[in-house]
């Protein structure tokens, strides 16, 4: 049996002005969960704005229960 953990990443608070501006918060979260024995599975877009920009995602992790 597997145990799943979902972590919400909110990009709404960040106003991206420059084209190509990157956000790396998700990498830190993935590294943190990997160090705790979780495996990164996927991301799910949970919110977009009116210009089709991603505003929120859920990162999905799993580990053996």
PDB file of N, CA and C in Angstrom:
ATOM      1  N   UNK A   1       0.839  -1.183   0.000  1.00  0.00           N
ATOM      2  CA  UNK A   1       0.000   0.000   0.000  1.00  0.00           C
ATOM      3  C   UNK A   1       0.887   1.250   0.000  1.00  0.00           C
ATOM      4  N   UNK A   2       0.412   2.280  -0.643  1.00  0.00           N
ATOM      5  CA  UNK A   2       1.162   3.530  -0.745  1.00  0.00           C
ATOM      6  C   UNK A   2       0.439   4.658   0.001  1.00  0.00           C
ATOM      7  N   UNK A   3       1.233   5.584   0.470  1.00  0.00           N
ATOM      8  CA  UNK A   3       0.725   6.768   1.154  1.00  0.00           C
ATOM      9  C   UNK A   3       1.017   7.963   0.255  1.00  0.00           C
ATOM     10  N   UNK A   4       0.033   8.841   0.078  1.00  0.00           N
ATOM     11  CA  UNK A   4       0.201  10.005  -0.791  1.00  0.00           C
ATOM     12  C   UNK A   4       0.148  11.292   0.009  1.00  0.00           C
ATOM     13  N   UNK A   5       0.933  12.250  -0.420  1.00  0.00           N
ATOM     14  CA  UNK A   5       0.990  13.567   0.206  1.00  0.00           C
ATOM     15  C   UNK A   5       0.850  14.597  -0.904  1.00  0.00           C
ATOM     16  N   UNK A   6       0.019  15.605  -0.675  1.00  0.00           N
ATOM     17  CA  UNK A   6      -0.217  16.658  -1.661  1.00  0.00           C
ATOM     18  C   UNK A   6       0.243  17.992  -1.073  1.00  0.00           C
ATOM     19  N   UNK A   7       1.052  18.720  -1.824  1.00  0.00           N
ATOM     20  CA  UNK A   7       1.565  20.005  -1.366  1.00  0.00           C
ATOM     21  C   UNK A   7       1.147  21.075  -2.365  1.00  0.00           C
ATOM     22  N   UNK A   8       0.430  22.065  -1.874  1.00  0.00           N
ATOM     23  CA  UNK A   8      -0.035  23.143  -2.737  1.00  0.00           C
ATOM     24  C   UNK A   8       1.039  24.223  -2.846  1.00  0.00           C
ATOM     25  N   UNK A   9       1.304  24.650  -4.086  1.00  0.00           N
ATOM     26  CA  UNK A   9       2.249  25.741  -4.348  1.00  0.00           C
ATOM     27  C   UNK A   9       1.444  26.872  -4.973  1.00  0.00           C
ATOM     28  N   UNK A  10       1.477  28.024  -4.323  1.00  0.00           N
ATOM     29  CA  UNK A  10       0.659  29.171  -4.728  1.00  0.00           C
ATOM     30  C   UNK A  10       1.535  30.224  -5.388  1.00  0.00           C
ATOM     31  N   UNK A  11       1.306  30.460  -6.670  1.00  0.00           N
ATOM     32  CA  UNK A  11       2.056  31.474  -7.414  1.00  0.00           C
ATOM     33  C   UNK A  11       1.265  32.781  -7.548  1.00  0.00           C
ATOM     34  N   UNK A  12       0.067  32.856  -6.984  1.00  0.00           N
ATOM     35  CA  UNK A  12      -0.775  34.048  -7.113  1.00  0.00           C
ATOM     36  C   UNK A  12      -0.130  35.274  -6.493  1.00  0.00           C
ATOM     37  N   UNK A  13       0.641  35.088  -5.450  1.00  0.00           N
ATOM     38  CA  UNK A  13       1.224  36.220  -4.737  1.00  0.00           C
ATOM     39  C   UNK A  13       2.412  36.819  -5.467  1.00  0.00           C
ATOM     40  N   UNK A  14       2.866  36.155  -6.501  1.00  0.00           N
ATOM     41  CA  UNK A  14       4.029  36.626  -7.251  1.00  0.00           C
ATOM     42  C   UNK A  14       3.565  37.226  -8.569  1.00  0.00           C
ATOM     43  N   UNK A  15       3.819  38.485  -8.744  1.00  0.00           N
ATOM     44  CA  UNK A  15       3.479  39.135 -10.005  1.00  0.00           C
ATOM     45  C   UNK A  15       4.682  39.024 -10.934  1.00  0.00           C
ATOM     46  N   UNK A  16       4.512  38.315 -12.011  1.00  0.00           N
ATOM     47  CA  UNK A  16       5.595  38.118 -12.962  1.00  0.00           C
ATOM     48  C   UNK A  16       5.542  39.235 -13.994  1.00  0.00           C
ATOM     49  N   UNK A  17       6.556  40.061 -13.985  1.00  0.00           N
ATOM     50  CA  UNK A  17       6.594  41.209 -14.887  1.00  0.00           C
ATOM     51  C   UNK A  17       7.442  40.902 -16.116  1.00  0.00           C
ATOM     52  N   UNK A  18       8.573  40.244 -15.908  1.00  0.00           N
ATOM     53  CA  UNK A  18       9.479  39.965 -17.015  1.00  0.00           C
ATOM     54  C   UNK A  18       9.142  38.623 -17.663  1.00  0.00           C
ATOM     55  N   UNK A  19       9.184  38.571 -18.959  1.00  0.00           N
ATOM     56  CA  UNK A  19       8.963  37.320 -19.671  1.00  0.00           C
ATOM     57  C   UNK A  19      10.138  36.379 -19.378  1.00  0.00           C
ATOM     58  N   UNK A  20       9.832  35.136 -19.103  1.00  0.00           N
ATOM     59  CA  UNK A  20      10.887  34.168 -18.839  1.00  0.00           C
ATOM     60  C   UNK A  20      11.311  34.104 -17.381  1.00  0.00           C
ATOM     61  N   UNK A  21      10.672  34.850 -16.508  1.00  0.00           N
ATOM     62  CA  UNK A  21      10.993  34.819 -15.088  1.00  0.00           C
ATOM     63  C   UNK A  21      10.657  33.435 -14.533  1.00  0.00           C
ATOM     64  N   UNK A  22      11.591  32.827 -13.841  1.00  0.00           N
ATOM     65  CA  UNK A  22      11.383  31.481 -13.327  1.00  0.00           C
ATOM     66  C   UNK A  22      11.173  31.465 -11.823  1.00  0.00           C
ATOM     67  N   UNK A  23      10.461  30.478 -11.369  1.00  0.00           N
ATOM     68  CA  UNK A  23      10.226  30.267  -9.941  1.00  0.00           C
ATOM     69  C   UNK A  23      10.736  28.880  -9.604  1.00  0.00           C
ATOM     70  N   UNK A  24      11.513  28.758  -8.550  1.00  0.00           N
ATOM     71  CA  UNK A  24      12.120  27.464  -8.230  1.00  0.00           C
ATOM     72  C   UNK A  24      11.635  26.884  -6.907  1.00  0.00           C
ATOM     73  N   UNK A  25      10.600  27.454  -6.332  1.00  0.00           N
ATOM     74  CA  UNK A  25      10.083  26.969  -5.051  1.00  0.00           C
ATOM     75  C   UNK A  25       9.747  25.479  -5.102  1.00  0.00           C
ATOM     76  N   UNK A  26       9.210  25.019  -6.216  1.00  0.00           N
ATOM     77  CA  UNK A  26       8.824  23.613  -6.348  1.00  0.00           C
ATOM     78  C   UNK A  26      10.032  22.685  -6.214  1.00  0.00           C
ATOM     79  N   UNK A  27      11.196  23.116  -6.671  1.00  0.00           N
ATOM     80  CA  UNK A  27      12.397  22.279  -6.582  1.00  0.00           C
ATOM     81  C   UNK A  27      12.794  22.052  -5.134  1.00  0.00           C
ATOM     82  N   UNK A  28      12.709  23.094  -4.322  1.00  0.00           N
ATOM     83  CA  UNK A  28      13.038  22.964  -2.901  1.00  0.00           C
ATOM     84  C   UNK A  28      12.081  22.001  -2.209  1.00  0.00           C
ATOM     85  N   UNK A  29      10.810  22.084  -2.552  1.00  0.00           N
ATOM     86  CA  UNK A  29       9.812  21.191  -1.951  1.00  0.00           C
ATOM     87  C   UNK A  29      10.082  19.753  -2.355  1.00  0.00           C
ATOM     88  N   UNK A  30      10.359  19.520  -3.636  1.00  0.00           N
ATOM     89  CA  UNK A  30      10.634  18.156  -4.121  1.00  0.00           C
ATOM     90  C   UNK A  30      11.868  17.594  -3.430  1.00  0.00           C
ATOM     91  N   UNK A  31      12.927  18.385  -3.308  1.00  0.00           N
ATOM     92  CA  UNK A  31      14.140  17.927  -2.617  1.00  0.00           C
ATOM     93  C   UNK A  31      13.866  17.596  -1.162  1.00  0.00           C
ATOM     94  N   UNK A  32      13.074  18.427  -0.497  1.00  0.00           N
ATOM     95  CA  UNK A  32      12.736  18.198   0.911  1.00  0.00           C
ATOM     96  C   UNK A  32      11.977  16.886   1.096  1.00  0.00           C
ATOM     97  N   UNK A  33      10.989  16.644   0.252  1.00  0.00           N
ATOM     98  CA  UNK A  33      10.207  15.410   0.363  1.00  0.00           C
ATOM     99  C   UNK A  33      11.039  14.182   0.002  1.00  0.00           C
ATOM    100  N   UNK A  34      11.921  14.303  -0.962  1.00  0.00           N
ATOM    101  CA  UNK A  34      12.806  13.189  -1.325  1.00  0.00           C
ATOM    102  C   UNK A  34      13.692  12.812  -0.144  1.00  0.00           C
ATOM    103  N   UNK A  35      14.187  13.804   0.576  1.00  0.00           N
ATOM    104  CA  UNK A  35      15.031  13.545   1.746  1.00  0.00           C
ATOM    105  C   UNK A  35      14.255  12.829   2.846  1.00  0.00           C
ATOM    106  N   UNK A  36      12.923  12.946   2.837  1.00  0.00           N
ATOM    107  CA  UNK A  36      12.082  12.284   3.837  1.00  0.00           C
ATOM    108  C   UNK A  36      11.530  10.946   3.339  1.00  0.00           C
ATOM    109  N   UNK A  37      12.038  10.499   2.187  1.00  0.00           N
ATOM    110  CA  UNK A  37      11.657   9.178   1.698  1.00  0.00           C
ATOM    111  C   UNK A  37      10.494   9.142   0.725  1.00  0.00           C
ATOM    112  N   UNK A  38      10.006  10.307   0.308  1.00  0.00           N
ATOM    113  CA  UNK A  38       8.913  10.364  -0.655  1.00  0.00           C
ATOM    114  C   UNK A  38       9.468  10.390  -2.070  1.00  0.00           C
ATOM    115  N   UNK A  39       8.649   9.928  -2.987  1.00  0.00           N
ATOM    116  CA  UNK A  39       8.976   9.979  -4.404  1.00  0.00           C
ATOM    117  C   UNK A  39       8.018  10.960  -5.066  1.00  0.00           C
ATOM    118  N   UNK A  40       8.563  11.868  -5.884  1.00  0.00           N
ATOM    119  CA  UNK A  40       7.724  12.813  -6.609  1.00  0.00           C
ATOM    120  C   UNK A  40       6.969  12.053  -7.689  1.00  0.00           C
ATOM    121  N   UNK A  41       5.657  12.245  -7.770  1.00  0.00           N
ATOM    122  CA  UNK A  41       4.822  11.522  -8.728  1.00  0.00           C
ATOM    123  C   UNK A  41       4.397  12.419  -9.886  1.00  0.00           C
ATOM    124  N   UNK A  42       3.838  13.587  -9.567  1.00  0.00           N
ATOM    125  CA  UNK A  42       3.280  14.434 -10.620  1.00  0.00           C
ATOM    126  C   UNK A  42       2.886  15.787 -10.030  1.00  0.00           C
ATOM    127  N   UNK A  43       2.501  16.703 -10.907  1.00  0.00           N
ATOM    128  CA  UNK A  43       1.907  17.959 -10.461  1.00  0.00           C
ATOM    129  C   UNK A  43       0.553  18.105 -11.136  1.00  0.00           C
ATOM    130  N   UNK A  44      -0.349  18.759 -10.424  1.00  0.00           N
ATOM    131  CA  UNK A  44      -1.698  18.963 -10.931  1.00  0.00           C
ATOM    132  C   UNK A  44      -1.983  20.457 -10.882  1.00  0.00           C
ATOM    133  N   UNK A  45      -2.342  21.028 -12.007  1.00  0.00           N
ATOM    134  CA  UNK A  45      -2.709  22.441 -12.045  1.00  0.00           C
ATOM    135  C   UNK A  45      -4.080  22.573 -11.402  1.00  0.00           C
ATOM    136  N   UNK A  46      -4.166  23.423 -10.383  1.00  0.00           N
ATOM    137  CA  UNK A  46      -5.434  23.584  -9.686  1.00  0.00           C
ATOM    138  C   UNK A  46      -6.071  24.952  -9.896  1.00  0.00           C
ATOM    139  N   UNK A  47      -5.300  25.901 -10.446  1.00  0.00           N
ATOM    140  CA  UNK A  47      -5.868  27.227 -10.704  1.00  0.00           C
ATOM    141  C   UNK A  47      -5.058  27.943 -11.783  1.00  0.00           C
ATOM    142  N   UNK A  48      -5.774  28.575 -12.713  1.00  0.00           N
ATOM    143  CA  UNK A  48      -5.147  29.421 -13.732  1.00  0.00           C
ATOM    144  C   UNK A  48      -5.875  30.768 -13.729  1.00  0.00           C
ATOM    145  N   UNK A  49      -5.185  31.823 -14.208  1.00  0.00           N
ATOM    146  CA  UNK A  49      -5.847  33.124 -14.263  1.00  0.00           C
ATOM    147  C   UNK A  49      -6.508  33.312 -15.631  1.00  0.00           C
ATOM    148  N   UNK A  50      -7.057  34.486 -15.854  1.00  0.00           N
ATOM    149  CA  UNK A  50      -7.791  34.749 -17.096  1.00  0.00           C
ATOM    150  C   UNK A  50      -6.892  34.781 -18.327  1.00  0.00           C
ATOM    151  N   UNK A  51      -5.569  34.853 -18.116  1.00  0.00           N
ATOM    152  CA  UNK A  51      -4.623  34.819 -19.228  1.00  0.00           C
ATOM    153  C   UNK A  51      -3.973  33.443 -19.370  1.00  0.00           C
ATOM    154  N   UNK A  52      -4.557  32.450 -18.751  1.00  0.00           N
ATOM    155  CA  UNK A  52      -4.102  31.050 -18.800  1.00  0.00           C
ATOM    156  C   UNK A  52      -2.735  30.848 -18.152  1.00  0.00           C
ATOM    157  N   UNK A  53      -2.358  31.741 -17.228  1.00  0.00           N
ATOM    158  CA  UNK A  53      -1.121  31.552 -16.469  1.00  0.00           C
ATOM    159  C   UNK A  53      -1.417  30.703 -15.241  1.00  0.00           C
ATOM    160  N   UNK A  54      -0.534  29.789 -14.952  1.00  0.00           N
ATOM    161  CA  UNK A  54      -0.715  28.916 -13.791  1.00  0.00           C
ATOM    162  C   UNK A  54      -0.576  29.741 -12.520  1.00  0.00           C
ATOM    163  N   UNK A  55      -1.541  29.597 -11.622  1.00  0.00           N
ATOM    164  CA  UNK A  55      -1.522  30.318 -10.358  1.00  0.00           C
ATOM    165  C   UNK A  55      -1.343  29.389  -9.153  1.00  0.00           C
ATOM    166  N   UNK A  56      -1.819  28.160  -9.252  1.00  0.00           N
ATOM    167  CA  UNK A  56      -1.656  27.191  -8.164  1.00  0.00           C
ATOM    168  C   UNK A  56      -1.462  25.798  -8.749  1.00  0.00           C
ATOM    169  N   UNK A  57      -0.587  25.031  -8.108  1.00  0.00           N
ATOM    170  CA  UNK A  57      -0.419  23.627  -8.466  1.00  0.00           C
ATOM    171  C   UNK A  57      -0.357  22.804  -7.190  1.00  0.00           C
ATOM    172  N   UNK A  58      -0.673  21.545  -7.308  1.00  0.00           N
ATOM    173  CA  UNK A  58      -0.439  20.577  -6.251  1.00  0.00           C
ATOM    174  C   UNK A  58       0.678  19.650  -6.701  1.00  0.00           C
ATOM    175  N   UNK A  59       1.680  19.495  -5.866  1.00  0.00           N
ATOM    176  CA  UNK A  59       2.721  18.514  -6.112  1.00  0.00           C
ATOM    177  C   UNK A  59       2.298  17.229  -5.408  1.00  0.00           C
ATOM    178  N   UNK A  60       2.431  16.091  -6.083  1.00  0.00           N
ATOM    179  CA  UNK A  60       1.999  14.816  -5.535  1.00  0.00           C
ATOM    180  C   UNK A  60       3.228  13.954  -5.229  1.00  0.00           C
ATOM    181  N   UNK A  61       3.273  13.442  -4.007  1.00  0.00           N
ATOM    182  CA  UNK A  61       4.369  12.583  -3.549  1.00  0.00           C
ATOM    183  C   UNK A  61       3.793  11.281  -3.032  1.00  0.00           C
ATOM    184  N   UNK A  62       4.616  10.211  -3.099  1.00  0.00           N
ATOM    185  CA  UNK A  62       4.169   8.932  -2.548  1.00  0.00           C
ATOM    186  C   UNK A  62       5.328   8.254  -1.835  1.00  0.00           C
ATOM    187  N   UNK A  63       4.958   7.370  -0.910  1.00  0.00           N
ATOM    188  CA  UNK A  63       5.933   6.498  -0.273  1.00  0.00           C
ATOM    189  C   UNK A  63       5.193   5.272   0.219  1.00  0.00           C
ATOM    190  N   UNK A  64       5.927   4.205   0.475  1.00  0.00           N
ATOM    191  CA  UNK A  64       5.311   2.987   0.996  1.00  0.00           C
ATOM    192  C   UNK A  64       4.793   3.256   2.397  1.00  0.00           C
ATOM    193  N   UNK A  65       3.566   2.808   2.629  1.00  0.00           N
ATOM    194  CA  UNK A  65       2.933   3.014   3.944  1.00  0.00           C
ATOM    195  C   UNK A  65       3.422   1.989   4.960  1.00  0.00           C
TER     196      UNK A  65
END
